[in-house]
Amino acid sequence: MLRLRRQSKPIFLQNKTGKSDAKSVWMGGDHPVVVQSMTTTDTADADKTLEQIYGLAMEGCEVVRVTVKDPPDAAGLPAIVWRSPVPIVADIHFDHKMALAAIEAGVAKLRLNPGNIRDPKKVAEVVSAAKARGIPIRVGVNMGSLAPDLEKTLGHTAEAMVQSALRHVEMLEEHGLYELLRASGIFPYSATQRISAKNASAAEARVLNETKGSALLTMERTTYDEHGRPLEFARHVYRASRYALLTTVAVDDPSRDSAAVTLIDSSY
């Protein structure tokens, strides 16, 4: 298991239905690892999707992600969110309006792909709506949706994934993430970033399903407040064979029980 010098910041996931018995779960911090899966049904078919969600929940799944790729999917989402026994994550594809619809439906979390929604104005609109409902955003990076300019200049490489993720995280920070931190009395001031190559340790090899000593690419970023004190530390570890991304993000804010936190991870 990879460990950070700072404890990860817990986030609270719950469908925004207003129901007193809405299922919730904590992620990060000292909380146990959360089991998550994704449906394979057509989200537009709410009954079929809920049947699969209930089946997953009965097997111990605590969070379920569903695809929201078009208006029919978005139309099925309110019923799914309302009746789901676990928090729902909306996996948004190319249309930011689907993210807005998912927020309106009351999902517990959004998953955005940096290569799919690149217009800063559209990202700002999504962030503003998510902030109003207290919905965290996950940034999911994969090779199938790199920004065209990065794919052209860097190709299908780990570096392209890193740059794609960083570009979108910076956009989210610009349009809202750090505003949430400022509201909590945290004032990001500067950041350092380091990208390097290394050989996989035994722990890293086990997590990434690689052999010990295989080539990895790591990216580390630390954000500091105006006094030079670390606020956030993020470490990304890539393996070249399948570009799997293992990421942990820690936000140091002991004064709050929960906060919207941007998470970067991989998707196949």
C-alpha atoms as a PDB file:
ATOM      1  CA  MET A   1       0.000   0.000   0.000  1.00  0.00           C
ATOM      2  CA  LEU A   2       1.322   3.441  -0.917  1.00  0.00           C
ATOM      3  CA  ARG A   3       1.335   5.879   1.990  1.00  0.00           C
ATOM      4  CA  LEU A   4       1.472   9.668   2.014  1.00  0.00           C
ATOM      5  CA  ARG A   5       3.113  11.813   4.638  1.00  0.00           C
ATOM      6  CA  ARG A   6      -0.285  13.445   5.127  1.00  0.00           C
ATOM      7  CA  GLN A   7      -3.544  11.623   5.742  1.00  0.00           C
ATOM      8  CA  SER A   8      -5.999  11.718   2.850  1.00  0.00           C
ATOM      9  CA  LYS A   9      -8.942  14.050   3.261  1.00  0.00           C
ATOM     10  CA  PRO A  10     -12.244  12.184   3.729  1.00  0.00           C
ATOM     11  CA  ILE A  11     -15.184  13.099   1.527  1.00  0.00           C
ATOM     12  CA  PHE A  12     -18.842  12.357   2.160  1.00  0.00           C
ATOM     13  CA  LEU A  13     -20.969  10.765  -0.570  1.00  0.00           C
ATOM     14  CA  GLN A  14     -24.751  10.787  -0.430  1.00  0.00           C
ATOM     15  CA  ASN A  15     -27.440  11.133  -3.073  1.00  0.00           C
ATOM     16  CA  LYS A  16     -28.997  14.604  -2.843  1.00  0.00           C
ATOM     17  CA  THR A  17     -32.575  13.391  -2.555  1.00  0.00           C
ATOM     18  CA  GLY A  18     -33.505  14.980   0.756  1.00  0.00           C
ATOM     19  CA  LYS A  19     -34.539  11.550   2.055  1.00  0.00           C
ATOM     20  CA  SER A  20     -33.639  11.052   5.718  1.00  0.00           C
ATOM     21  CA  ASP A  21     -32.688   7.426   5.070  1.00  0.00           C
ATOM     22  CA  ALA A  22     -30.549   8.103   1.983  1.00  0.00           C
ATOM     23  CA  LYS A  23     -27.541   5.800   2.083  1.00  0.00           C
ATOM     24  CA  SER A  24     -24.207   7.543   2.609  1.00  0.00           C
ATOM     25  CA  VAL A  25     -20.552   6.557   2.752  1.00  0.00           C
ATOM     26  CA  TRP A  26     -17.266   8.200   3.734  1.00  0.00           C
ATOM     27  CA  MET A  27     -14.180   7.832   1.543  1.00  0.00           C
ATOM     28  CA  GLY A  28     -10.594   8.542   2.564  1.00  0.00           C
ATOM     29  CA  GLY A  29      -9.019   9.424   5.906  1.00  0.00           C
ATOM     30  CA  ASP A  30      -9.301   6.612   8.451  1.00  0.00           C
ATOM     31  CA  HIS A  31     -12.387   5.161   6.781  1.00  0.00           C
ATOM     32  CA  PRO A  32     -12.265   1.660   5.261  1.00  0.00           C
ATOM     33  CA  VAL A  33     -11.687   1.196   1.530  1.00  0.00           C
ATOM     34  CA  VAL A  34     -14.965   1.703  -0.338  1.00  0.00           C
ATOM     35  CA  VAL A  35     -16.121  -0.921  -2.844  1.00  0.00           C
ATOM     36  CA  GLN A  36     -17.361   0.614  -6.106  1.00  0.00           C
ATOM     37  CA  SER A  37     -18.641  -0.860  -9.347  1.00  0.00           C
ATOM     38  CA  MET A  38     -20.353   0.286 -12.536  1.00  0.00           C
ATOM     39  CA  THR A  39     -23.555  -0.799 -14.224  1.00  0.00           C
ATOM     40  CA  THR A  40     -23.581  -2.317 -17.709  1.00  0.00           C
ATOM     41  CA  THR A  41     -27.247  -1.564 -18.410  1.00  0.00           C
ATOM     42  CA  ASP A  42     -28.775   1.213 -20.472  1.00  0.00           C
ATOM     43  CA  THR A  43     -29.192   4.005 -17.911  1.00  0.00           C
ATOM     44  CA  ALA A  44     -32.306   5.166 -19.745  1.00  0.00           C
ATOM     45  CA  ASP A  45     -33.928   1.944 -18.509  1.00  0.00           C
ATOM     46  CA  ALA A  46     -34.212   2.901 -14.835  1.00  0.00           C
ATOM     47  CA  ASP A  47     -35.785  -0.375 -13.707  1.00  0.00           C
ATOM     48  CA  LYS A  48     -33.104  -2.560 -15.302  1.00  0.00           C
ATOM     49  CA  THR A  49     -30.360  -0.309 -13.971  1.00  0.00           C
ATOM     50  CA  LEU A  50     -31.818  -0.350 -10.457  1.00  0.00           C
ATOM     51  CA  GLU A  51     -32.085  -4.134 -10.615  1.00  0.00           C
ATOM     52  CA  GLN A  52     -28.358  -4.291 -11.252  1.00  0.00           C
ATOM     53  CA  ILE A  53     -27.609  -1.665  -8.585  1.00  0.00           C
ATOM     54  CA  TYR A  54     -29.564  -3.627  -5.973  1.00  0.00           C
ATOM     55  CA  GLY A  55     -27.732  -6.781  -6.995  1.00  0.00           C
ATOM     56  CA  LEU A  56     -24.376  -5.047  -6.569  1.00  0.00           C
ATOM     57  CA  ALA A  57     -25.426  -3.635  -3.198  1.00  0.00           C
ATOM     58  CA  MET A  58     -26.435  -7.096  -1.987  1.00  0.00           C
ATOM     59  CA  GLU A  59     -22.926  -8.301  -2.845  1.00  0.00           C
ATOM     60  CA  GLY A  60     -21.375  -5.545  -0.716  1.00  0.00           C
ATOM     61  CA  CYS A  61     -20.910  -2.765  -3.276  1.00  0.00           C
ATOM     62  CA  GLU A  62     -21.107   0.644  -1.573  1.00  0.00           C
ATOM     63  CA  VAL A  63     -20.985   3.076  -4.517  1.00  0.00           C
ATOM     64  CA  VAL A  64     -22.239   2.559  -8.073  1.00  0.00           C
ATOM     65  CA  ARG A  65     -21.305   4.521 -11.203  1.00  0.00           C
ATOM     66  CA  VAL A  66     -23.714   4.830 -14.124  1.00  0.00           C
ATOM     67  CA  THR A  67     -23.167   6.213 -17.628  1.00  0.00           C
ATOM     68  CA  VAL A  68     -24.939   9.467 -18.518  1.00  0.00           C
ATOM     69  CA  LYS A  69     -24.085   9.937 -22.180  1.00  0.00           C
ATOM     70  CA  ASP A  70     -27.281  11.402 -23.647  1.00  0.00           C
ATOM     71  CA  PRO A  71     -30.723  12.880 -22.786  1.00  0.00           C
ATOM     72  CA  PRO A  72     -32.454   9.471 -22.448  1.00  0.00           C
ATOM     73  CA  ASP A  73     -29.845   8.451 -19.853  1.00  0.00           C
ATOM     74  CA  ALA A  74     -30.342  11.760 -18.050  1.00  0.00           C
ATOM     75  CA  ALA A  75     -34.104  11.223 -18.070  1.00  0.00           C
ATOM     76  CA  GLY A  76     -33.702   7.887 -16.282  1.00  0.00           C
ATOM     77  CA  LEU A  77     -31.337   9.264 -13.659  1.00  0.00           C
ATOM     78  CA  PRO A  78     -33.786  10.937 -11.200  1.00  0.00           C
ATOM     79  CA  ALA A  79     -35.645   7.657 -10.591  1.00  0.00           C
ATOM     80  CA  ILE A  80     -32.358   5.793 -10.203  1.00  0.00           C
ATOM     81  CA  VAL A  81     -30.970   8.292  -7.706  1.00  0.00           C
ATOM     82  CA  TRP A  82     -34.219   8.406  -5.731  1.00  0.00           C
ATOM     83  CA  ARG A  83     -34.574   4.621  -5.431  1.00  0.00           C
ATOM     84  CA  SER A  84     -30.920   3.585  -5.224  1.00  0.00           C
ATOM     85  CA  PRO A  85     -29.738   1.890  -2.012  1.00  0.00           C
ATOM     86  CA  VAL A  86     -26.212   3.330  -2.478  1.00  0.00           C
ATOM     87  CA  PRO A  87     -24.666   6.649  -3.606  1.00  0.00           C
ATOM     88  CA  ILE A  88     -24.694   7.108  -7.393  1.00  0.00           C
ATOM     89  CA  VAL A  89     -21.791   8.500  -9.436  1.00  0.00           C
ATOM     90  CA  ALA A  90     -22.669   9.944 -12.857  1.00  0.00           C
ATOM     91  CA  ASP A  91     -20.110   9.145 -15.565  1.00  0.00           C
ATOM     92  CA  ILE A  92     -20.309  12.097 -17.963  1.00  0.00           C
ATOM     93  CA  HIS A  93     -19.131  11.808 -21.568  1.00  0.00           C
ATOM     94  CA  PHE A  94     -18.950  14.685 -24.069  1.00  0.00           C
ATOM     95  CA  ASP A  95     -21.935  16.867 -23.169  1.00  0.00           C
ATOM     96  CA  HIS A  96     -21.649  19.162 -20.144  1.00  0.00           C
ATOM     97  CA  LYS A  97     -25.448  19.432 -20.156  1.00  0.00           C
ATOM     98  CA  MET A  98     -25.531  15.805 -19.015  1.00  0.00           C
ATOM     99  CA  ALA A  99     -23.410  16.818 -16.016  1.00  0.00           C
ATOM    100  CA  LEU A 100     -25.884  19.583 -15.212  1.00  0.00           C
ATOM    101  CA  ALA A 101     -28.762  17.125 -15.535  1.00  0.00           C
ATOM    102  CA  ALA A 102     -26.976  14.677 -13.223  1.00  0.00           C
ATOM    103  CA  ILE A 103     -26.478  17.407 -10.636  1.00  0.00           C
ATOM    104  CA  GLU A 104     -30.149  18.307 -10.907  1.00  0.00           C
ATOM    105  CA  ALA A 105     -31.023  14.624 -10.419  1.00  0.00           C
ATOM    106  CA  GLY A 106     -29.091  14.660  -7.139  1.00  0.00           C
ATOM    107  CA  VAL A 107     -26.175  12.293  -7.776  1.00  0.00           C
ATOM    108  CA  ALA A 108     -23.577  11.890  -5.055  1.00  0.00           C
ATOM    109  CA  LYS A 109     -20.584  12.550  -7.349  1.00  0.00           C
ATOM    110  CA  LEU A 110     -19.634  13.417 -10.929  1.00  0.00           C
ATOM    111  CA  ARG A 111     -16.963  11.747 -13.021  1.00  0.00           C
ATOM    112  CA  LEU A 112     -15.581  14.004 -15.758  1.00  0.00           C
ATOM    113  CA  ASN A 113     -13.039  13.117 -18.423  1.00  0.00           C
ATOM    114  CA  PRO A 114     -10.573  15.933 -19.184  1.00  0.00           C
ATOM    115  CA  GLY A 115     -10.439  15.052 -22.879  1.00  0.00           C
ATOM    116  CA  ASN A 116     -14.190  15.256 -23.372  1.00  0.00           C
ATOM    117  CA  ILE A 117     -15.291  18.573 -21.862  1.00  0.00           C
ATOM    118  CA  ARG A 118     -12.577  21.128 -22.598  1.00  0.00           C
ATOM    119  CA  ASP A 119     -14.447  24.433 -22.877  1.00  0.00           C
ATOM    120  CA  PRO A 120     -13.597  26.473 -19.722  1.00  0.00           C
ATOM    121  CA  LYS A 121     -17.016  28.155 -19.780  1.00  0.00           C
ATOM    122  CA  LYS A 122     -18.794  24.812 -19.772  1.00  0.00           C
ATOM    123  CA  VAL A 123     -16.507  23.491 -17.028  1.00  0.00           C
ATOM    124  CA  ALA A 124     -17.212  26.617 -14.969  1.00  0.00           C
ATOM    125  CA  GLU A 125     -20.947  26.060 -15.365  1.00  0.00           C
ATOM    126  CA  VAL A 126     -20.644  22.489 -14.129  1.00  0.00           C
ATOM    127  CA  VAL A 127     -18.434  23.445 -11.189  1.00  0.00           C
ATOM    128  CA  SER A 128     -20.800  26.221 -10.139  1.00  0.00           C
ATOM    129  CA  ALA A 129     -23.758  23.839 -10.128  1.00  0.00           C
ATOM    130  CA  ALA A 130     -21.789  21.138  -8.290  1.00  0.00           C
ATOM    131  CA  LYS A 131     -20.687  23.606  -5.630  1.00  0.00           C
ATOM    132  CA  ALA A 132     -24.269  24.706  -5.046  1.00  0.00           C
ATOM    133  CA  ARG A 133     -25.276  21.092  -4.307  1.00  0.00           C
ATOM    134  CA  GLY A 134     -22.079  20.095  -2.491  1.00  0.00           C
ATOM    135  CA  ILE A 135     -21.225  17.443  -5.107  1.00  0.00           C
ATOM    136  CA  PRO A 136     -17.549  16.418  -5.483  1.00  0.00           C
ATOM    137  CA  ILE A 137     -15.966  15.910  -8.900  1.00  0.00           C
ATOM    138  CA  ARG A 138     -13.739  13.034  -9.923  1.00  0.00           C
ATOM    139  CA  VAL A 139     -11.407  13.505 -12.898  1.00  0.00           C
ATOM    140  CA  GLY A 140     -11.042  10.201 -14.756  1.00  0.00           C
ATOM    141  CA  VAL A 141      -8.176   9.948 -17.256  1.00  0.00           C
ATOM    142  CA  ASN A 142      -7.788   7.360 -19.997  1.00  0.00           C
ATOM    143  CA  MET A 143      -6.050   6.939 -23.325  1.00  0.00           C
ATOM    144  CA  GLY A 144      -9.252   7.000 -25.313  1.00  0.00           C
ATOM    145  CA  SER A 145     -10.043  10.646 -24.666  1.00  0.00           C
ATOM    146  CA  LEU A 146      -6.859  12.686 -24.540  1.00  0.00           C
ATOM    147  CA  ALA A 147      -7.054  16.305 -25.641  1.00  0.00           C
ATOM    148  CA  PRO A 148      -6.314  16.401 -29.405  1.00  0.00           C
ATOM    149  CA  ASP A 149      -3.272  18.656 -29.039  1.00  0.00           C
ATOM    150  CA  LEU A 150      -1.710  16.427 -26.372  1.00  0.00           C
ATOM    151  CA  GLU A 151      -2.380  13.300 -28.401  1.00  0.00           C
ATOM    152  CA  LYS A 152      -0.729  14.944 -31.420  1.00  0.00           C
ATOM    153  CA  THR A 153       2.377  16.191 -29.596  1.00  0.00           C
ATOM    154  CA  LEU A 154       2.888  13.459 -26.978  1.00  0.00           C
ATOM    155  CA  GLY A 155       1.039  10.484 -28.436  1.00  0.00           C
ATOM    156  CA  HIS A 156      -0.482   7.724 -26.307  1.00  0.00           C
ATOM    157  CA  THR A 157       2.005   8.139 -23.474  1.00  0.00           C
ATOM    158  CA  ALA A 158       1.902   8.399 -19.713  1.00  0.00           C
ATOM    159  CA  GLU A 159       3.148  11.980 -20.012  1.00  0.00           C
ATOM    160  CA  ALA A 160       0.112  12.845 -22.142  1.00  0.00           C
ATOM    161  CA  MET A 161      -2.156  11.442 -19.440  1.00  0.00           C
ATOM    162  CA  VAL A 162      -0.369  13.443 -16.754  1.00  0.00           C
ATOM    163  CA  GLN A 163      -0.634  16.667 -18.722  1.00  0.00           C
ATOM    164  CA  SER A 164      -4.279  15.983 -19.556  1.00  0.00           C
ATOM    165  CA  ALA A 165      -5.130  15.416 -15.902  1.00  0.00           C
ATOM    166  CA  LEU A 166      -3.207  18.464 -14.701  1.00  0.00           C
ATOM    167  CA  ARG A 167      -4.791  20.703 -17.314  1.00  0.00           C
ATOM    168  CA  HIS A 168      -8.286  19.741 -16.214  1.00  0.00           C
ATOM    169  CA  VAL A 169      -7.506  19.919 -12.495  1.00  0.00           C
ATOM    170  CA  GLU A 170      -6.137  23.420 -12.968  1.00  0.00           C
ATOM    171  CA  MET A 171      -9.309  24.350 -14.827  1.00  0.00           C
ATOM    172  CA  LEU A 172     -11.435  23.017 -11.972  1.00  0.00           C
ATOM    173  CA  GLU A 173      -9.322  24.867  -9.439  1.00  0.00           C
ATOM    174  CA  GLU A 174      -9.651  28.073 -11.419  1.00  0.00           C
ATOM    175  CA  HIS A 175     -13.412  27.739 -11.599  1.00  0.00           C
ATOM    176  CA  GLY A 176     -14.237  26.577  -8.149  1.00  0.00           C
ATOM    177  CA  LEU A 177     -12.210  24.011  -6.243  1.00  0.00           C
ATOM    178  CA  TYR A 178      -9.972  26.529  -4.525  1.00  0.00           C
ATOM    179  CA  GLU A 179     -12.938  28.815  -3.938  1.00  0.00           C
ATOM    180  CA  LEU A 180     -14.344  26.032  -1.788  1.00  0.00           C
ATOM    181  CA  LEU A 181     -11.042  25.752   0.033  1.00  0.00           C
ATOM    182  CA  ARG A 182     -10.921  29.486   0.599  1.00  0.00           C
ATOM    183  CA  ALA A 183     -14.402  29.370   2.071  1.00  0.00           C
ATOM    184  CA  SER A 184     -12.984  26.929   4.606  1.00  0.00           C
ATOM    185  CA  GLY A 185     -10.155  29.281   5.566  1.00  0.00           C
ATOM    186  CA  ILE A 186      -7.541  27.573   3.361  1.00  0.00           C
ATOM    187  CA  PHE A 187      -5.615  29.821   0.991  1.00  0.00           C
ATOM    188  CA  PRO A 188      -3.552  28.036  -1.715  1.00  0.00           C
ATOM    189  CA  TYR A 189      -0.645  30.222  -2.706  1.00  0.00           C
ATOM    190  CA  SER A 190       1.906  28.193  -4.663  1.00  0.00           C
ATOM    191  CA  ALA A 191       2.644  24.681  -5.864  1.00  0.00           C
ATOM    192  CA  THR A 192       5.559  22.505  -6.913  1.00  0.00           C
ATOM    193  CA  GLN A 193       5.414  19.587  -9.327  1.00  0.00           C
ATOM    194  CA  ARG A 194       7.890  16.833 -10.133  1.00  0.00           C
ATOM    195  CA  ILE A 195       7.728  14.137 -12.812  1.00  0.00           C
ATOM    196  CA  SER A 196      10.274  11.339 -12.664  1.00  0.00           C
ATOM    197  CA  ALA A 197      10.955   7.754 -13.702  1.00  0.00           C
ATOM    198  CA  LYS A 198      11.563   4.958 -11.217  1.00  0.00           C
ATOM    199  CA  ASN A 199      11.489   1.205 -10.693  1.00  0.00           C
ATOM    200  CA  ALA A 200       8.436  -0.279  -9.027  1.00  0.00           C
ATOM    201  CA  SER A 201       8.740  -1.174  -5.369  1.00  0.00           C
ATOM    202  CA  ALA A 202       7.139  -4.380  -4.095  1.00  0.00           C
ATOM    203  CA  ALA A 203       4.104  -2.456  -2.829  1.00  0.00           C
ATOM    204  CA  GLU A 204       3.652  -0.507  -6.069  1.00  0.00           C
ATOM    205  CA  ALA A 205       4.073  -3.652  -8.158  1.00  0.00           C
ATOM    206  CA  ARG A 206       1.409  -5.427  -6.103  1.00  0.00           C
ATOM    207  CA  VAL A 207      -1.135  -2.604  -6.416  1.00  0.00           C
ATOM    208  CA  LEU A 208      -0.535  -2.061 -10.136  1.00  0.00           C
ATOM    209  CA  ASN A 209      -0.313  -5.778 -10.974  1.00  0.00           C
ATOM    210  CA  GLU A 210       3.243  -5.431 -12.242  1.00  0.00           C
ATOM    211  CA  THR A 211       6.557  -7.083 -11.425  1.00  0.00           C
ATOM    212  CA  LYS A 212       8.916  -5.558  -8.902  1.00  0.00           C
ATOM    213  CA  GLY A 213      11.468  -3.343 -10.606  1.00  0.00           C
ATOM    214  CA  SER A 214       9.379  -2.602 -13.702  1.00  0.00           C
ATOM    215  CA  ALA A 215       9.440   0.918 -15.123  1.00  0.00           C
ATOM    216  CA  LEU A 216       7.052   3.485 -13.650  1.00  0.00           C
ATOM    217  CA  LEU A 217       6.440   7.178 -14.159  1.00  0.00           C
ATOM    218  CA  THR A 218       5.567   9.222 -11.076  1.00  0.00           C
ATOM    219  CA  MET A 219       4.175  12.725 -10.788  1.00  0.00           C
ATOM    220  CA  GLU A 220       4.162  14.505  -7.423  1.00  0.00           C
ATOM    221  CA  ARG A 221       2.531  17.842  -6.746  1.00  0.00           C
ATOM    222  CA  THR A 222       2.467  19.799  -3.470  1.00  0.00           C
ATOM    223  CA  THR A 223       0.328  22.908  -2.914  1.00  0.00           C
ATOM    224  CA  TYR A 224       1.284  25.412  -0.205  1.00  0.00           C
ATOM    225  CA  ASP A 225      -0.504  28.216   1.611  1.00  0.00           C
ATOM    226  CA  GLU A 226       0.776  31.788   1.796  1.00  0.00           C
ATOM    227  CA  HIS A 227       2.981  30.824   4.764  1.00  0.00           C
ATOM    228  CA  GLY A 228       4.672  28.001   2.917  1.00  0.00           C
ATOM    229  CA  ARG A 229       2.790  25.262   4.759  1.00  0.00           C
ATOM    230  CA  PRO A 230       1.679  22.241   2.687  1.00  0.00           C
ATOM    231  CA  LEU A 231      -2.056  22.123   2.025  1.00  0.00           C
ATOM    232  CA  GLU A 232      -2.250  19.283  -0.462  1.00  0.00           C
ATOM    233  CA  PHE A 233      -0.034  16.471  -1.679  1.00  0.00           C
ATOM    234  CA  ALA A 234      -0.886  14.329  -4.713  1.00  0.00           C
ATOM    235  CA  ARG A 235       1.153  11.426  -6.064  1.00  0.00           C
ATOM    236  CA  HIS A 236       0.379   9.692  -9.358  1.00  0.00           C
ATOM    237  CA  VAL A 237       2.034   6.420 -10.339  1.00  0.00           C
ATOM    238  CA  TYR A 238       1.808   5.103 -13.917  1.00  0.00           C
ATOM    239  CA  ARG A 239       2.900   1.795 -15.436  1.00  0.00           C
ATOM    240  CA  ALA A 240       3.877   1.879 -19.093  1.00  0.00           C
ATOM    241  CA  SER A 241       2.371  -1.456 -20.091  1.00  0.00           C
ATOM    242  CA  ARG A 242      -1.296  -0.435 -19.764  1.00  0.00           C
ATOM    243  CA  TYR A 243      -1.059   3.126 -18.475  1.00  0.00           C
ATOM    244  CA  ALA A 244      -2.926   2.304 -15.276  1.00  0.00           C
ATOM    245  CA  LEU A 245      -3.050   5.292 -12.969  1.00  0.00           C
ATOM    246  CA  LEU A 246      -2.938   4.924  -9.188  1.00  0.00           C
ATOM    247  CA  THR A 247      -3.609   8.227  -7.466  1.00  0.00           C
ATOM    248  CA  THR A 248      -4.104   9.457  -3.932  1.00  0.00           C
ATOM    249  CA  VAL A 249      -4.972  13.029  -3.004  1.00  0.00           C
ATOM    250  CA  ALA A 250      -4.710  14.490   0.476  1.00  0.00           C
ATOM    251  CA  VAL A 251      -6.147  17.857   1.505  1.00  0.00           C
ATOM    252  CA  ASP A 252      -5.131  19.065   4.953  1.00  0.00           C
ATOM    253  CA  ASP A 253      -8.152  20.782   6.537  1.00  0.00           C
ATOM    254  CA  PRO A 254      -8.871  19.488  10.071  1.00  0.00           C
ATOM    255  CA  SER A 255     -11.508  22.171  10.664  1.00  0.00           C
ATOM    256  CA  ARG A 256     -14.034  20.592   8.253  1.00  0.00           C
ATOM    257  CA  ASP A 257     -15.831  17.263   8.273  1.00  0.00           C
ATOM    258  CA  SER A 258     -16.211  17.214   4.500  1.00  0.00           C
ATOM    259  CA  ALA A 259     -15.227  19.173   1.426  1.00  0.00           C
ATOM    260  CA  ALA A 260     -15.445  18.916  -2.331  1.00  0.00           C
ATOM    261  CA  VAL A 261     -12.201  17.271  -3.373  1.00  0.00           C
ATOM    262  CA  THR A 262     -10.962  16.644  -6.884  1.00  0.00           C
ATOM    263  CA  LEU A 263      -9.827  13.050  -7.322  1.00  0.00           C
ATOM    264  CA  ILE A 264      -7.818  11.826 -10.280  1.00  0.00           C
ATOM    265  CA  ASP A 265      -7.872   8.160 -11.159  1.00  0.00           C
ATOM    266  CA  SER A 266      -7.900   5.844 -14.114  1.00  0.00           C
ATOM    267  CA  SER A 267     -10.685   4.347 -16.182  1.00  0.00           C
ATOM    268  CA  TYR A 268     -10.639   1.481 -18.675  1.00  0.00           C
END
